[in-house]
Amino acid sequence: MSLYQHLFAAAYDPVMSSLETGRLGERRRQLLSSLSDEVLDIGAGTGANLAHLPEAVRRVIAVEPDPALARRLRRRAADHPADIEVVGATAESLPLPDHSVDVAVATLVLCTVEDPAAAVAELHRVLRPGGRLLVIEHVVDRSPRRARWQRRLTPAWRVVARGCHLDRDTRSTLARGGFDVSEVDSWELSRRGPTVPAISGVARAR
């Protein structure tokens, strides 16, 4: 692990704390409240979703490719009542059989993957027909002027934020990848300062 990986992992939770104790944390809780049994969580990071899982969830396959983040995830998972299996893999290459999952979760991860279309294709592959993908993702703004600024800022932001893109149209990527996105709504990740356009909801594998 590089020094940058260590520093990024150490800073991630403190940097995100104001969002997690506010709008983002509440949206996670609302979105995940219906979960039960087994859940696939891609790009699980340091395990922010774990605190919001209902007691009915008995097992989580938490996929996280970054070893520094995964180490913190394992620490958090050790105190969780559910069985948490931390898997070191990318979203573009999930080590799971076809049609083996009923529910998957993607929260603030499709902005960072190398190939979002491939990641969505993998999610579609492992989900059973009609399976649910619960998403919270920040996305490109619908305003052309703001979208231009997002595109200009993305190259520098990717360096600072470990590959995060500000300008991805994730809702369209999901639709092209075989998901019904009629239950995925526009949302604002933050209302302080510049607003951050996002999507949140349930995409269903067709």
Protein backbone atom coordinates (compact mmCIF):
# COMPACT_ATOMS: atom_id res chain seq x y z
CA MET A 1 0.00 0.00 0.00
CA SER A 2 1.25 3.47 -0.88
CA LEU A 3 1.47 6.36 1.57
CA TYR A 4 -1.28 8.10 -0.41
CA GLN A 5 -3.58 5.10 0.03
CA HIS A 6 -2.98 5.15 3.78
CA LEU A 7 -3.59 8.90 4.00
CA PHE A 8 -6.72 8.78 1.86
CA ALA A 9 -8.20 5.94 3.92
CA ALA A 10 -7.40 7.74 7.18
CA ALA A 11 -8.98 10.99 5.97
CA TYR A 12 -12.06 9.50 4.29
CA ASP A 13 -14.38 9.13 7.29
CA PRO A 14 -13.49 12.50 8.90
CA VAL A 15 -13.97 14.30 5.56
CA MET A 16 -17.35 12.63 5.00
CA SER A 17 -18.58 12.97 8.58
CA SER A 18 -20.73 16.07 8.08
CA LEU A 19 -22.58 14.42 5.19
CA GLU A 20 -22.90 11.10 6.98
CA THR A 21 -24.48 12.72 10.04
CA GLY A 22 -26.81 14.70 7.82
CA ARG A 23 -28.51 14.17 4.46
CA LEU A 24 -26.34 11.34 3.19
CA GLY A 25 -26.61 9.24 6.35
CA GLU A 26 -30.37 9.71 6.45
CA ARG A 27 -30.71 8.74 2.79
CA ARG A 28 -28.60 5.63 3.37
CA ARG A 29 -30.86 4.64 6.27
CA GLN A 30 -34.03 5.17 4.23
CA LEU A 31 -32.74 3.33 1.18
CA LEU A 32 -31.34 0.33 3.05
CA SER A 33 -34.21 -0.09 5.53
CA SER A 34 -35.97 -2.74 3.43
CA LEU A 35 -32.97 -5.06 3.14
CA SER A 36 -32.88 -8.58 4.54
CA ASP A 37 -30.98 -11.86 4.23
CA GLU A 38 -27.91 -11.50 1.94
CA VAL A 39 -26.64 -8.28 0.36
CA LEU A 40 -23.84 -7.49 -2.11
CA ASP A 41 -22.19 -4.12 -1.38
CA ILE A 42 -19.79 -3.02 -4.14
CA GLY A 43 -17.12 -0.43 -3.42
CA ALA A 44 -17.91 -0.80 0.26
CA GLY A 45 -15.09 1.57 1.26
CA THR A 46 -14.68 1.84 5.03
CA GLY A 47 -18.13 0.35 5.63
CA ALA A 48 -20.39 3.39 5.85
CA ASN A 49 -23.43 1.31 4.87
CA LEU A 50 -23.00 -1.17 7.71
CA ALA A 51 -24.41 1.14 10.39
CA HIS A 52 -27.64 1.52 8.41
CA LEU A 53 -28.39 -2.14 7.71
CA PRO A 54 -31.50 -3.49 9.45
CA GLU A 55 -31.26 -6.49 11.76
CA ALA A 56 -32.87 -8.69 9.08
CA VAL A 57 -29.63 -8.62 7.07
CA ARG A 58 -27.69 -11.73 8.01
CA ARG A 59 -24.81 -11.65 5.50
CA VAL A 60 -22.99 -9.01 3.46
CA ILE A 61 -20.52 -9.59 0.64
CA ALA A 62 -18.54 -6.35 0.83
CA VAL A 63 -16.41 -5.81 -2.28
CA GLU A 64 -13.56 -3.30 -1.87
CA PRO A 65 -10.42 -3.26 -4.06
CA ASP A 66 -8.41 -0.70 -2.09
CA PRO A 67 -6.40 -2.51 0.62
CA ALA A 68 -6.20 0.52 2.93
CA LEU A 69 -9.95 1.06 2.84
CA ALA A 70 -10.57 -2.69 3.13
CA ARG A 71 -8.49 -2.84 6.29
CA ARG A 72 -10.70 -0.23 7.94
CA LEU A 73 -13.76 -2.02 6.59
CA ARG A 74 -12.66 -5.27 8.26
CA ARG A 75 -12.25 -3.46 11.59
CA ARG A 76 -15.78 -2.08 11.36
CA ALA A 77 -17.16 -5.43 10.19
CA ALA A 78 -15.69 -7.24 13.19
CA ASP A 79 -18.21 -5.51 15.49
CA HIS A 80 -21.22 -5.98 13.21
CA PRO A 81 -23.86 -8.60 14.08
CA ALA A 82 -24.16 -9.78 10.47
CA ASP A 83 -21.65 -12.06 8.75
CA ILE A 84 -19.49 -9.66 6.71
CA GLU A 85 -17.24 -11.15 4.03
CA VAL A 86 -14.76 -8.59 2.71
CA VAL A 87 -13.70 -9.41 -0.86
CA GLY A 88 -10.76 -7.70 -2.55
CA ALA A 89 -12.09 -7.27 -6.08
CA THR A 90 -13.17 -4.54 -8.48
CA ALA A 91 -16.73 -3.77 -9.50
CA GLU A 92 -15.77 -4.61 -13.09
CA SER A 93 -14.81 -8.18 -12.15
CA LEU A 94 -17.03 -9.55 -9.40
CA PRO A 95 -16.04 -13.06 -8.24
CA LEU A 96 -19.64 -14.27 -8.11
CA PRO A 97 -21.68 -16.66 -10.29
CA ASP A 98 -24.28 -15.45 -12.77
CA HIS A 99 -27.70 -14.65 -11.30
CA SER A 100 -26.60 -15.43 -7.74
CA VAL A 101 -27.66 -12.22 -5.95
CA ASP A 102 -31.08 -10.76 -5.14
CA VAL A 103 -29.95 -7.34 -3.89
CA ALA A 104 -26.87 -5.22 -4.52
CA VAL A 105 -25.89 -1.83 -3.15
CA ALA A 106 -23.79 0.85 -4.88
CA THR A 107 -23.26 4.04 -2.88
CA LEU A 108 -20.76 6.63 -4.10
CA VAL A 109 -18.79 4.05 -6.05
CA LEU A 110 -19.81 4.24 -9.73
CA CYS A 111 -18.19 7.67 -9.84
CA THR A 112 -14.79 6.09 -9.15
CA VAL A 113 -14.70 2.84 -11.12
CA GLU A 114 -12.43 2.71 -14.16
CA ASP A 115 -15.18 1.48 -16.49
CA PRO A 116 -18.72 2.27 -15.29
CA ALA A 117 -20.38 0.40 -18.17
CA ALA A 118 -18.41 -2.75 -17.31
CA ALA A 119 -19.28 -2.39 -13.61
CA VAL A 120 -22.98 -2.06 -14.43
CA ALA A 121 -22.74 -5.08 -16.76
CA GLU A 122 -21.21 -7.10 -13.92
CA LEU A 123 -23.97 -6.06 -11.54
CA HIS A 124 -26.55 -7.07 -14.12
CA ARG A 125 -24.80 -10.40 -14.58
CA VAL A 126 -24.73 -11.37 -10.90
CA LEU A 127 -28.24 -10.14 -10.11
CA ARG A 128 -31.16 -12.45 -10.65
CA PRO A 129 -33.85 -11.24 -13.11
CA GLY A 130 -35.88 -8.65 -11.24
CA GLY A 131 -33.09 -8.23 -8.67
CA ARG A 132 -32.66 -4.84 -7.04
CA LEU A 133 -29.72 -2.46 -7.19
CA LEU A 134 -29.92 0.23 -4.52
CA VAL A 135 -27.98 3.32 -5.58
CA ILE A 136 -26.81 6.63 -4.18
CA GLU A 137 -24.46 8.34 -6.63
CA HIS A 138 -23.48 11.91 -7.40
CA VAL A 139 -23.87 12.68 -11.10
CA VAL A 140 -23.41 15.25 -13.84
CA ASP A 141 -25.62 18.31 -13.46
CA ARG A 142 -28.57 18.73 -15.78
CA SER A 143 -27.59 22.37 -16.28
CA PRO A 144 -25.23 22.56 -19.30
CA ARG A 145 -23.29 25.41 -17.68
CA ARG A 146 -22.71 23.49 -14.44
CA ALA A 147 -21.93 20.31 -16.35
CA ARG A 148 -19.18 22.16 -18.24
CA TRP A 149 -17.61 23.18 -14.93
CA GLN A 150 -17.84 19.61 -13.68
CA ARG A 151 -16.00 18.38 -16.79
CA ARG A 152 -13.30 21.03 -16.34
CA LEU A 153 -12.79 20.18 -12.67
CA THR A 154 -12.86 16.39 -13.03
CA PRO A 155 -9.20 15.84 -14.12
CA ALA A 156 -7.88 17.57 -10.98
CA TRP A 157 -10.60 16.11 -8.74
CA ARG A 158 -9.74 12.58 -9.89
CA VAL A 159 -6.22 13.03 -8.53
CA VAL A 160 -7.40 14.38 -5.17
CA ALA A 161 -10.30 11.97 -4.71
CA ARG A 162 -8.89 8.62 -5.86
CA GLY A 163 -10.40 8.53 -9.33
CA CYS A 164 -13.75 10.15 -8.54
CA HIS A 165 -15.48 11.71 -11.56
CA LEU A 166 -17.82 14.68 -11.13
CA ASP A 167 -19.40 14.38 -14.56
CA ARG A 168 -20.84 10.88 -14.97
CA ASP A 169 -24.41 10.31 -16.14
CA THR A 170 -24.86 7.19 -14.02
CA ARG A 171 -28.63 6.96 -14.44
CA SER A 172 -28.21 6.65 -18.22
CA THR A 173 -25.40 4.10 -17.77
CA LEU A 174 -27.71 1.96 -15.63
CA ALA A 175 -30.52 2.20 -18.19
CA ARG A 176 -28.19 1.19 -21.03
CA GLY A 177 -26.89 -1.67 -18.90
CA GLY A 178 -30.26 -3.40 -18.61
CA PHE A 179 -31.80 -1.76 -15.54
CA ASP A 180 -35.24 -0.24 -15.11
CA VAL A 181 -34.46 3.14 -13.54
CA SER A 182 -38.03 4.40 -13.10
CA GLU A 183 -37.56 4.24 -9.31
CA VAL A 184 -34.27 6.16 -9.37
CA ASP A 185 -34.87 9.82 -8.56
CA SER A 186 -32.82 13.00 -8.75
CA TRP A 187 -31.56 14.24 -5.41
CA GLU A 188 -29.14 16.74 -3.88
CA LEU A 189 -26.22 15.26 -1.98
CA SER A 190 -25.54 18.59 -0.28
CA ARG A 191 -27.48 21.81 0.14
CA ARG A 192 -24.63 23.75 1.71
CA GLY A 193 -22.62 25.89 -0.66
CA PRO A 194 -22.72 24.63 -4.26
CA THR A 195 -25.38 21.94 -4.60
CA VAL A 196 -24.22 18.47 -5.56
CA PRO A 197 -26.56 16.70 -8.02
CA ALA A 198 -27.14 13.06 -7.25
CA ILE A 199 -29.46 10.13 -7.83
CA SER A 200 -30.99 7.79 -5.30
CA GLY A 201 -33.36 4.85 -5.50
CA VAL A 202 -33.85 1.31 -6.73
CA ALA A 203 -32.83 0.10 -10.19
CA ARG A 204 -34.26 -3.29 -11.18
CA ALA A 205 -32.52 -5.78 -13.44
CA ARG A 206 -34.60 -6.42 -16.57
